[in-house]
């Protein structure tokens, strides 16, 4: 059976949708909390997954959630104006 025209376009669309779904499934979420040396919440700290384009700012309680992070191992970097940047694996 030979496919042509509209039938072939629908199959290509279906294949592209499957590939897109597979790509989305290969990402994850990183959650955590940043605190000060005296265990107080650290609000508004920038958290970056080094080697990716993903970053987020902590909320008032110091919590953060990085979403859509590609699968892999990352070093996290915490930075805040006036403080030394900290990196953790």
Protein backbone atom coordinates (compact mmCIF):
# COMPACT_ATOMS: atom_id res chain seq x y z
CA UNK A 1 0.00 0.00 0.00
CA UNK A 2 1.41 3.37 -0.98
CA UNK A 3 0.67 6.45 1.14
CA UNK A 4 0.49 9.83 -0.44
CA UNK A 5 -0.96 13.24 0.15
CA UNK A 6 -3.03 13.75 3.29
CA UNK A 7 -2.46 10.24 4.72
CA UNK A 8 1.31 10.70 4.69
CA UNK A 9 1.01 14.13 6.34
CA UNK A 10 -1.05 12.69 9.20
CA UNK A 11 1.50 9.94 9.81
CA UNK A 12 4.34 12.48 9.85
CA UNK A 13 2.40 14.68 12.29
CA UNK A 14 1.80 11.67 14.55
CA UNK A 15 5.50 10.72 14.49
CA UNK A 16 6.53 14.30 15.32
CA UNK A 17 4.09 14.37 18.23
CA UNK A 18 5.57 11.14 19.60
CA UNK A 19 9.11 12.50 19.32
CA UNK A 20 8.07 15.69 21.09
CA UNK A 21 6.49 13.71 23.91
CA UNK A 22 9.63 11.62 24.32
CA UNK A 23 11.77 14.75 24.55
CA UNK A 24 9.53 16.21 27.26
CA UNK A 25 9.67 12.99 29.24
CA UNK A 26 13.44 13.29 29.53
CA UNK A 27 13.42 16.29 31.82
CA UNK A 28 12.94 16.60 35.53
CA UNK A 29 12.49 18.84 38.53
CA UNK A 30 14.97 19.89 41.20
CA UNK A 31 13.54 21.20 44.48
CA UNK A 32 15.22 22.49 47.59
CA UNK A 33 15.57 25.16 50.23
CA UNK A 34 18.32 27.68 50.88
CA UNK A 35 19.05 28.74 54.46
CA UNK A 36 21.58 30.99 56.12
CA UNK A 37 24.34 29.76 58.44
CA UNK A 38 21.97 30.25 61.39
CA UNK A 39 19.26 28.14 59.67
CA UNK A 40 17.06 31.08 58.65
CA UNK A 41 15.32 31.13 55.23
CA UNK A 42 17.32 32.80 52.45
CA UNK A 43 14.79 34.60 50.22
CA UNK A 44 15.44 35.89 46.69
CA UNK A 45 18.60 33.85 46.07
CA UNK A 46 19.24 32.93 42.43
CA UNK A 47 19.65 29.16 41.95
CA UNK A 48 21.21 27.97 38.68
CA UNK A 49 21.68 24.44 37.34
CA UNK A 50 25.21 24.94 35.98
CA UNK A 51 25.51 23.71 32.41
CA UNK A 52 21.84 24.29 31.62
CA UNK A 53 19.80 27.39 30.92
CA UNK A 54 17.58 26.75 33.95
CA UNK A 55 17.52 29.10 36.93
CA UNK A 56 15.02 30.28 39.52
CA UNK A 57 14.80 32.64 42.50
CA UNK A 58 13.95 31.35 45.98
CA UNK A 59 10.66 32.43 47.55
CA UNK A 60 10.33 34.26 50.89
CA UNK A 61 10.78 30.98 52.79
CA UNK A 62 13.93 30.06 50.81
CA UNK A 63 12.29 27.31 48.73
CA UNK A 64 12.92 26.84 45.01
CA UNK A 65 11.77 24.54 42.20
CA UNK A 66 13.70 24.21 38.94
CA UNK A 67 11.42 22.68 36.30
CA UNK A 68 12.04 21.20 32.86
CA UNK A 69 15.67 20.44 33.67
CA UNK A 70 17.16 18.08 31.07
CA UNK A 71 18.13 14.67 32.46
CA UNK A 72 21.63 14.55 33.91
CA UNK A 73 23.78 15.48 36.89
CA UNK A 74 24.09 19.16 37.78
CA UNK A 75 26.08 21.37 40.05
CA UNK A 76 23.78 23.95 41.63
CA UNK A 77 24.96 27.51 42.08
CA UNK A 78 23.43 29.88 44.65
CA UNK A 79 24.13 33.58 44.24
CA UNK A 80 22.93 36.73 45.95
CA UNK A 81 24.15 40.30 45.64
CA UNK A 82 26.70 41.06 48.34
CA UNK A 83 27.45 37.39 49.14
CA UNK A 84 29.96 34.87 47.88
CA UNK A 85 28.57 32.49 45.23
CA UNK A 86 28.19 28.90 46.50
CA UNK A 87 28.27 25.78 44.32
CA UNK A 88 27.05 22.33 45.43
CA UNK A 89 26.67 19.03 43.61
